[in-house]
Amino acid sequence: MISNEIILIGAEEDIILELNNSEHKILGFFGNKKKTNIKYLGTFSKIDAFIKKNPNVKICIAMGPLQIRKKFLKKYKKNVLTYVSNRSLKGEKIKIGEGSFVQSFCFLGNNVKIGYCCKINVGSNIHHGVKIGLLTDIAPNSTILGNSIIGSECYIGSGTIVREKIKISDKIMTGINTAVVKNISLKGLYYGVPAKYKKNRYKRP
């Protein structure tokens, strides 16, 4: 049985807006209590009991710290939501990993491969042959040109442009409006036009 009912891990406003304008129905969220327009269902410890009573409900874990994403994908793999907006343009032979979330007005070219628990934010362009590793976020209005490879656990900042056939290794972050024109292999934070190495560590948004 396929269900359109969803529970959220956390209460990220852009995810709520996206799902409220889709065919899905949000039942509420688990995590830290906060003021929002959807129902608070309790702490993470309450999820097992909820799933037991509602075995067909889907769990959206496209947001939040990486350890939370890993934990819930492993524990609730059967229920995890994989979402691609109907308002995005999608090519042929696309592979989307479990738990990934592609928002509205994105472009996904032919032969794009996206790993599990990624977030492709609104207005991003992922061109033909691009490969994106697991647990990587692409922030709004970013452009990844053809046949580039983005590693795992990366954060590509809003408005970043990655030139065609570029390789970005794991655990790399780019700042807003960065232009990546050469391969990046050293873990850390990069920003500027062209991208320059700034720090050997970074804190993900």
Protein backbone atom coordinates (compact mmCIF):
# COMPACT_ATOMS: atom_id res chain seq x y z
CA MET A 1 0.00 0.00 0.00
CA ILE A 2 1.35 3.42 -1.00
CA SER A 3 0.64 6.22 1.46
CA ASN A 4 0.79 9.98 0.91
CA GLU A 5 0.96 10.62 4.66
CA ILE A 6 4.28 11.96 5.94
CA ILE A 7 5.97 12.68 9.25
CA LEU A 8 8.96 15.00 9.40
CA ILE A 9 12.25 14.78 11.25
CA GLY A 10 12.55 18.39 12.37
CA ALA A 11 10.43 21.26 11.07
CA GLU A 12 12.34 22.99 8.28
CA GLU A 13 10.10 25.65 6.77
CA ASP A 14 11.05 25.25 3.11
CA ILE A 15 10.42 21.49 3.31
CA ILE A 16 7.02 22.11 4.91
CA LEU A 17 6.11 24.62 2.18
CA GLU A 18 7.22 22.20 -0.54
CA LEU A 19 5.22 19.27 0.82
CA ASN A 20 2.14 21.38 1.55
CA ASN A 21 2.04 22.18 -2.16
CA SER A 22 2.38 18.55 -3.24
CA GLU A 23 0.13 15.50 -3.12
CA HIS A 24 1.47 14.60 0.32
CA LYS A 25 -0.18 15.19 3.69
CA ILE A 26 2.02 16.15 6.66
CA LEU A 27 0.81 14.57 9.89
CA GLY A 28 3.35 16.38 12.06
CA PHE A 29 6.99 16.39 13.11
CA PHE A 30 9.35 14.80 15.62
CA GLY A 31 12.34 16.46 17.26
CA ASN A 32 12.78 19.56 19.40
CA LYS A 33 9.51 21.40 19.96
CA LYS A 34 9.24 24.71 18.13
CA LYS A 35 6.57 27.11 16.97
CA THR A 36 5.31 26.07 13.55
CA ASN A 37 2.05 25.52 11.70
CA ILE A 38 2.26 21.72 11.81
CA LYS A 39 1.57 19.38 14.70
CA TYR A 40 4.30 18.46 17.16
CA LEU A 41 4.34 14.67 17.63
CA GLY A 42 7.09 14.35 20.24
CA THR A 43 10.77 13.60 20.62
CA PHE A 44 12.65 11.07 18.48
CA SER A 45 11.98 8.40 21.12
CA LYS A 46 8.28 8.49 20.19
CA ILE A 47 8.80 7.56 16.53
CA ASP A 48 8.84 3.77 17.01
CA ALA A 49 5.41 3.75 18.63
CA PHE A 50 4.01 6.03 15.93
CA ILE A 51 5.35 3.84 13.11
CA LYS A 52 3.96 0.75 14.80
CA LYS A 53 0.47 2.30 14.71
CA ASN A 54 0.96 3.81 11.23
CA PRO A 55 3.14 1.33 9.29
CA ASN A 56 2.53 2.94 5.89
CA VAL A 57 3.49 6.49 6.82
CA LYS A 58 6.56 7.99 5.11
CA ILE A 59 9.41 9.68 6.97
CA CYS A 60 11.05 12.77 5.49
CA ILE A 61 14.70 13.05 6.61
CA ALA A 62 16.08 15.28 3.86
CA MET A 63 17.15 17.88 6.40
CA GLY A 64 19.07 18.01 9.67
CA PRO A 65 22.55 17.03 10.86
CA LEU A 66 24.26 14.24 8.94
CA GLN A 67 24.31 11.82 11.87
CA ILE A 68 20.53 12.16 12.20
CA ARG A 69 20.07 11.44 8.50
CA LYS A 70 22.30 8.36 8.68
CA LYS A 71 20.55 7.07 11.80
CA PHE A 72 17.02 7.37 10.49
CA LEU A 73 17.77 6.07 7.02
CA LYS A 74 19.30 2.95 8.53
CA LYS A 75 16.55 2.45 11.10
CA TYR A 76 13.50 3.29 8.98
CA LYS A 77 14.67 2.48 5.45
CA LYS A 78 11.34 0.87 4.59
CA ASN A 79 9.46 4.09 5.36
CA VAL A 80 11.87 6.78 4.23
CA LEU A 81 10.55 9.32 1.72
CA THR A 82 12.41 9.97 -1.54
CA TYR A 83 10.96 13.11 -3.11
CA VAL A 84 11.32 14.84 -6.48
CA SER A 85 9.03 17.80 -7.08
CA ASN A 86 6.63 17.58 -10.01
CA ARG A 87 7.56 21.21 -10.69
CA SER A 88 11.13 20.29 -11.55
CA LEU A 89 12.30 19.35 -15.04
CA LYS A 90 13.69 15.83 -15.15
CA GLY A 91 15.63 14.12 -17.93
CA GLU A 92 16.04 10.41 -18.69
CA LYS A 93 17.95 7.70 -16.81
CA ILE A 94 18.07 9.62 -13.54
CA LYS A 95 18.90 7.77 -10.32
CA ILE A 96 17.86 9.31 -6.99
CA GLY A 97 19.11 7.70 -3.76
CA GLU A 98 16.78 6.82 -0.90
CA GLY A 99 15.86 9.68 1.39
CA SER A 100 16.91 12.41 -1.05
CA PHE A 101 14.75 15.50 -1.56
CA VAL A 102 14.62 17.55 -4.79
CA GLN A 103 12.66 20.77 -4.45
CA SER A 104 10.68 22.80 -6.99
CA PHE A 105 12.07 24.48 -10.11
CA CYS A 106 15.19 22.35 -10.33
CA PHE A 107 16.66 20.98 -13.58
CA LEU A 108 17.95 17.41 -13.61
CA GLY A 109 19.63 16.49 -16.89
CA ASN A 110 19.94 13.05 -18.44
CA ASN A 111 21.99 10.40 -16.61
CA VAL A 112 22.19 12.34 -13.35
CA LYS A 113 22.95 10.23 -10.27
CA ILE A 114 22.22 11.52 -6.76
CA GLY A 115 23.24 9.58 -3.64
CA TYR A 116 21.07 8.87 -0.62
CA CYS A 117 19.84 11.55 1.82
CA CYS A 118 20.86 14.50 -0.37
CA LYS A 119 18.99 17.78 -0.61
CA ILE A 120 18.77 19.58 -3.94
CA ASN A 121 17.37 22.98 -3.11
CA VAL A 122 14.97 25.16 -5.09
CA GLY A 123 16.13 26.47 -8.46
CA SER A 124 19.28 24.35 -8.76
CA ASN A 125 20.52 23.06 -12.11
CA ILE A 126 22.17 19.63 -12.25
CA HIS A 127 23.26 18.98 -15.83
CA HIS A 128 23.81 15.76 -17.80
CA GLY A 129 26.06 13.08 -16.40
CA VAL A 130 26.58 14.74 -13.01
CA LYS A 131 27.17 12.45 -10.03
CA ILE A 132 26.49 13.63 -6.48
CA GLY A 133 27.64 11.61 -3.48
CA LEU A 134 25.59 10.66 -0.44
CA LEU A 135 24.53 13.19 2.21
CA THR A 136 25.43 16.19 0.04
CA ASP A 137 23.35 19.38 -0.06
CA ILE A 138 23.07 21.67 -3.07
CA ALA A 139 21.85 25.10 -1.89
CA PRO A 140 19.38 27.27 -3.88
CA ASN A 141 20.16 28.42 -7.42
CA SER A 142 23.40 26.48 -7.77
CA THR A 143 24.53 25.13 -11.13
CA ILE A 144 26.56 21.94 -11.60
CA LEU A 145 27.57 21.65 -15.24
CA GLY A 146 27.84 18.45 -17.25
CA ASN A 147 29.81 15.37 -16.19
CA SER A 148 31.04 16.87 -12.94
CA ILE A 149 31.41 14.74 -9.81
CA ILE A 150 30.49 16.06 -6.36
CA GLY A 151 31.64 13.97 -3.40
CA SER A 152 29.83 12.81 -0.27
CA GLU A 153 28.91 15.02 2.70
CA CYS A 154 29.53 18.22 0.74
CA TYR A 155 27.65 21.50 0.98
CA ILE A 156 27.49 23.51 -2.24
CA GLY A 157 26.59 27.07 -1.26
CA SER A 158 23.79 29.10 -2.83
CA GLY A 159 24.57 30.42 -6.30
CA THR A 160 27.70 28.29 -6.73
CA ILE A 161 28.66 27.40 -10.30
CA VAL A 162 30.73 24.29 -10.95
CA ARG A 163 32.35 24.11 -14.38
CA GLU A 164 31.87 21.03 -16.55
CA LYS A 165 33.98 17.90 -15.84
CA ILE A 166 35.06 19.15 -12.41
CA LYS A 167 35.67 16.76 -9.51
CA ILE A 168 34.97 17.90 -5.95
CA SER A 169 36.07 15.46 -3.24
CA ASP A 170 34.22 14.53 -0.02
CA LYS A 171 33.46 16.94 2.84
CA ILE A 172 33.91 20.18 0.94
CA MET A 173 31.85 23.35 1.29
CA THR A 174 31.58 26.28 -1.08
CA GLY A 175 30.46 29.77 -0.12
CA ILE A 176 27.73 31.84 -1.73
CA ASN A 177 28.28 32.63 -5.45
CA THR A 178 31.52 30.67 -5.66
CA ALA A 179 32.86 29.63 -9.07
CA VAL A 180 34.62 26.26 -9.09
CA VAL A 181 36.80 26.05 -12.20
CA LYS A 182 39.41 23.51 -11.02
CA ASN A 183 39.23 20.17 -9.24
CA ILE A 184 39.06 20.38 -5.44
CA SER A 185 40.51 17.58 -3.34
CA LEU A 186 41.49 19.12 0.01
CA LYS A 187 38.68 18.95 2.61
CA GLY A 188 37.43 22.31 3.87
CA LEU A 189 35.77 25.59 2.90
CA TYR A 190 36.22 27.36 -0.46
CA TYR A 191 34.77 30.60 -1.76
CA GLY A 192 35.34 33.33 -4.30
CA VAL A 193 35.66 33.73 -8.07
CA PRO A 194 37.49 31.54 -8.78
CA ALA A 195 37.15 29.33 -5.70
CA LYS A 196 40.01 29.54 -3.21
CA TYR A 197 40.76 27.42 -0.17
CA LYS A 198 39.93 29.25 3.09
CA LYS A 199 39.61 26.83 6.02
CA ASN A 200 40.35 23.19 6.76
CA ARG A 201 36.98 22.71 8.44
CA TYR A 202 33.49 24.12 8.20
CA LYS A 203 30.14 24.03 9.96
CA ARG A 204 27.26 23.00 7.74
CA PRO A 205 24.15 25.22 7.76
